[in-house]
Protein backbone atom coordinates (compact mmCIF):
# COMPACT_ATOMS: atom_id res chain seq x y z
CA MET A 1 17.23 -8.90 -46.11
CA PRO A 2 18.52 -5.40 -45.50
CA ILE A 3 17.29 -2.45 -47.55
CA ILE A 4 19.85 -1.14 -50.06
CA TYR A 5 20.25 2.64 -50.23
CA ARG A 6 21.57 4.36 -53.33
CA ALA A 7 23.69 6.77 -51.24
CA GLU A 8 25.36 3.89 -49.41
CA LYS A 9 25.89 1.89 -52.61
CA GLY A 10 27.37 4.91 -54.40
CA SER A 11 25.57 4.17 -57.65
CA PRO A 12 22.01 3.77 -58.96
CA LEU A 13 20.07 0.72 -57.73
CA SER A 14 19.34 -2.09 -60.15
CA ILE A 15 15.75 -3.14 -60.86
CA GLU A 16 16.33 -6.28 -58.81
CA GLU A 17 17.66 -4.26 -55.82
CA LEU A 18 14.72 -1.87 -56.08
CA ASP A 19 12.20 -4.77 -56.18
CA ASN A 20 13.90 -6.46 -53.20
CA ASN A 21 13.63 -3.21 -51.21
CA PHE A 22 9.88 -3.07 -51.91
CA LYS A 23 9.46 -6.79 -51.07
CA ASP A 24 11.31 -6.30 -47.78
CA LEU A 25 9.18 -3.28 -46.83
CA ASP A 26 5.99 -5.11 -47.89
CA SER A 27 6.83 -8.16 -45.70
CA ARG A 28 7.59 -5.91 -42.71
CA LEU A 29 4.32 -4.03 -43.20
CA LYS A 30 2.37 -7.32 -43.43
CA ILE A 31 3.87 -8.48 -40.11
CA LEU A 32 2.74 -5.22 -38.46
CA GLU A 33 -0.77 -5.52 -39.97
CA ASP A 34 -1.12 -9.15 -38.85
CA ASN A 35 0.24 -8.44 -35.35
CA PRO A 36 -0.92 -4.98 -34.35
CA ASP A 37 0.47 -3.46 -31.17
CA ARG A 38 -2.42 -3.76 -28.75
CA GLY A 39 -1.31 -0.72 -26.78
CA GLU A 40 -3.49 -1.46 -23.76
CA GLY A 41 -2.88 0.97 -20.96
CA LEU A 42 -4.24 1.47 -17.49
CA GLY A 43 -7.92 2.30 -17.80
CA LYS A 44 -9.26 2.34 -14.24
CA ILE A 45 -8.19 1.85 -10.63
CA GLN A 46 -10.91 0.69 -8.26
CA ILE A 47 -10.35 1.09 -4.51
CA ARG A 48 -12.50 -0.87 -2.05
CA GLU A 49 -11.46 -0.71 1.60
CA ASN A 50 -7.79 -1.80 1.59
CA GLN A 51 -7.87 -3.41 -1.90
CA ALA A 52 -6.90 -1.79 -5.23
CA THR A 53 -7.95 -3.41 -8.54
CA PHE A 54 -6.25 -2.35 -11.79
CA ILE A 55 -8.30 -2.60 -15.01
CA GLY A 56 -6.75 -2.07 -18.46
CA SER A 57 -8.13 0.29 -21.10
CA PHE A 58 -9.45 -2.78 -23.00
CA GLY A 59 -11.00 -4.30 -19.84
CA THR A 60 -8.13 -6.59 -18.82
CA ASP A 61 -8.06 -7.23 -15.07
CA PHE A 62 -4.42 -6.76 -14.08
CA GLY A 63 -5.12 -7.93 -10.54
CA THR A 64 -6.20 -6.89 -7.08
CA PHE A 65 -3.61 -5.90 -4.53
CA THR A 66 -3.78 -5.24 -0.80
CA LEU A 67 -2.83 -1.67 0.04
CA PRO A 68 -0.40 -1.14 2.90
CA THR A 69 -1.82 0.38 6.07
CA ALA A 70 -0.04 2.15 8.87
CA SER A 71 -0.13 0.32 12.18
CA PHE A 72 0.26 2.74 15.04
CA LYS A 73 1.37 1.28 18.36
CA PRO A 74 0.40 3.22 21.51
CA ARG A 75 3.29 3.24 24.00
CA GLY A 76 2.02 5.57 26.73
CA SER A 77 4.16 8.40 28.04
CA TRP A 78 7.55 9.15 26.46
CA HIS A 79 10.56 7.98 28.52
CA PRO A 80 14.32 8.40 28.09
CA LYS A 81 16.54 5.35 27.45
CA THR A 82 13.65 3.55 25.75
CA THR A 83 13.70 1.85 22.34
CA TYR A 84 11.05 3.26 20.00
CA GLN A 85 10.05 2.14 16.52
CA THR A 86 8.53 3.99 13.59
CA LEU A 87 4.78 4.64 14.15
CA ASP A 88 4.98 4.22 17.94
CA LEU A 89 2.67 6.74 19.65
CA VAL A 90 3.62 8.49 22.87
CA THR A 91 2.24 11.31 24.96
CA MET A 92 4.39 14.25 25.95
CA GLU A 93 3.39 17.69 27.21
CA MET A 94 -0.37 17.28 26.52
CA ALA A 95 0.20 16.05 22.96
CA VAL A 96 0.39 12.74 21.11
CA TYR A 97 3.46 12.14 18.93
CA SER A 98 4.25 9.54 16.26
CA CYS A 99 7.79 8.15 15.98
CA LEU A 100 9.39 8.93 12.60
CA LYS A 101 12.49 6.70 12.90
CA ASP A 102 13.57 3.71 15.01
CA HIS A 103 15.82 4.88 17.85
CA THR A 104 16.66 4.62 21.53
CA SER A 105 15.61 7.80 23.29
CA LEU A 106 18.05 10.11 25.01
CA SER A 107 16.27 13.27 26.14
CA TRP A 108 13.15 14.88 24.69
CA ASP A 109 15.14 17.92 23.54
CA GLN A 110 17.64 15.69 21.70
CA ASP A 111 15.00 13.36 20.24
CA ARG A 112 12.37 15.98 19.29
CA SER A 113 13.25 15.80 15.54
CA LEU A 114 12.43 12.07 15.56
CA TRP A 115 8.79 12.71 16.49
CA GLN A 116 5.83 14.30 14.72
CA GLU A 117 2.94 15.76 16.66
CA VAL A 118 -0.36 14.16 15.61
CA LEU A 119 -2.70 15.54 18.27
CA SER A 120 -2.33 18.46 20.62
CA LEU A 121 -4.86 18.94 23.35
CA PRO A 122 -5.63 22.37 24.77
CA LYS A 123 -4.03 23.16 28.09
CA PRO A 124 -6.53 22.90 30.94
CA SER A 125 -7.67 26.23 32.35
CA SER A 126 -6.50 25.32 35.84
CA SER A 127 -3.10 24.02 36.79
CA SER A 128 -4.45 20.58 37.64
CA LEU A 129 -6.78 18.06 36.01
CA PRO A 130 -9.87 16.79 37.83
CA LEU A 131 -9.19 13.38 39.33
CA TYR A 132 -11.78 10.61 39.07
CA GLU A 133 -12.11 7.00 40.02
CA LYS A 134 -13.91 4.89 37.44
CA ALA A 135 -17.09 4.81 39.54
CA THR A 136 -17.16 8.61 39.87
CA LEU A 137 -16.73 9.55 36.19
CA PRO A 138 -19.52 11.90 35.07
CA THR A 139 -21.68 10.40 32.30
CA GLN A 140 -21.97 13.76 30.51
CA GLU A 141 -19.21 16.30 30.00
CA SER A 142 -18.11 18.79 27.36
CA ILE A 143 -16.33 17.22 24.39
CA GLY A 144 -12.55 17.24 24.79
CA LYS A 145 -12.70 17.64 28.58
CA LEU A 146 -9.44 16.36 30.09
CA ALA A 147 -9.18 14.51 33.38
CA ALA A 148 -7.06 11.95 35.16
CA LEU A 149 -8.34 8.50 36.05
CA ILE A 150 -6.94 7.14 39.30
CA THR A 151 -5.92 3.49 38.95
CA ASP A 152 -3.75 1.09 40.93
CA GLY A 153 -0.89 2.06 38.60
CA GLY A 154 -1.32 5.81 39.13
CA ALA A 155 -3.17 8.59 37.32
CA ILE A 156 -3.89 8.02 33.61
CA PRO A 157 -4.89 10.92 31.31
CA ILE A 158 -8.37 10.57 29.79
CA PHE A 159 -10.73 12.79 27.81
CA PHE A 160 -14.44 12.91 27.03
CA ASN A 161 -15.07 12.15 23.31
CA GLY A 162 -18.64 13.43 23.33
CA GLU A 163 -20.15 10.06 24.25
CA ALA A 164 -17.78 8.39 26.70
CA TRP A 165 -14.51 8.82 28.53
CA GLN A 166 -11.53 7.56 26.54
CA TYR A 167 -7.87 6.90 27.33
CA LEU A 168 -5.70 9.59 25.78
CA VAL A 169 -3.20 7.23 24.12
CA LYS A 170 -4.74 3.77 24.04
CA GLY A 171 -7.87 5.01 22.27
CA GLU A 172 -10.04 2.60 24.22
CA THR A 173 -13.03 3.76 26.20
CA VAL A 174 -12.75 3.64 29.99
């Protein structure tokens, strides 16, 4: 039943109309008292490894969800006329770059805006890197030392990570 307003009626309310207004308001108030708005909000977010659990302010478990993770894909040296995808890693000019957008490469100068530098290695003091075969790699070297590993496929850039020699792009130890 709708509430009757004196201003809308244009005349004073009768006793019956006044009582019905109070009854209507009383029944609405009773519904609210019997069914309170719980108002539970987000109380806590727990992060464990790649999982996020959402707990409500009243302790309700809203669920556990796997968080997305970036999957970088090492691709070696940058080359023109090559299809690259977002998060591909390439080496260029003594630095490692991550691809920002899927594309087919043209020239480095034209494509430079599609890449973000993630690691830049210092230029070696001499104009050439020391060349090693796997059997001749020194077991101790200064951290960050750059060199080239001679393989059947050619020279591959490597660096000393403080404990072992590591491929510059692949991330694997030699």
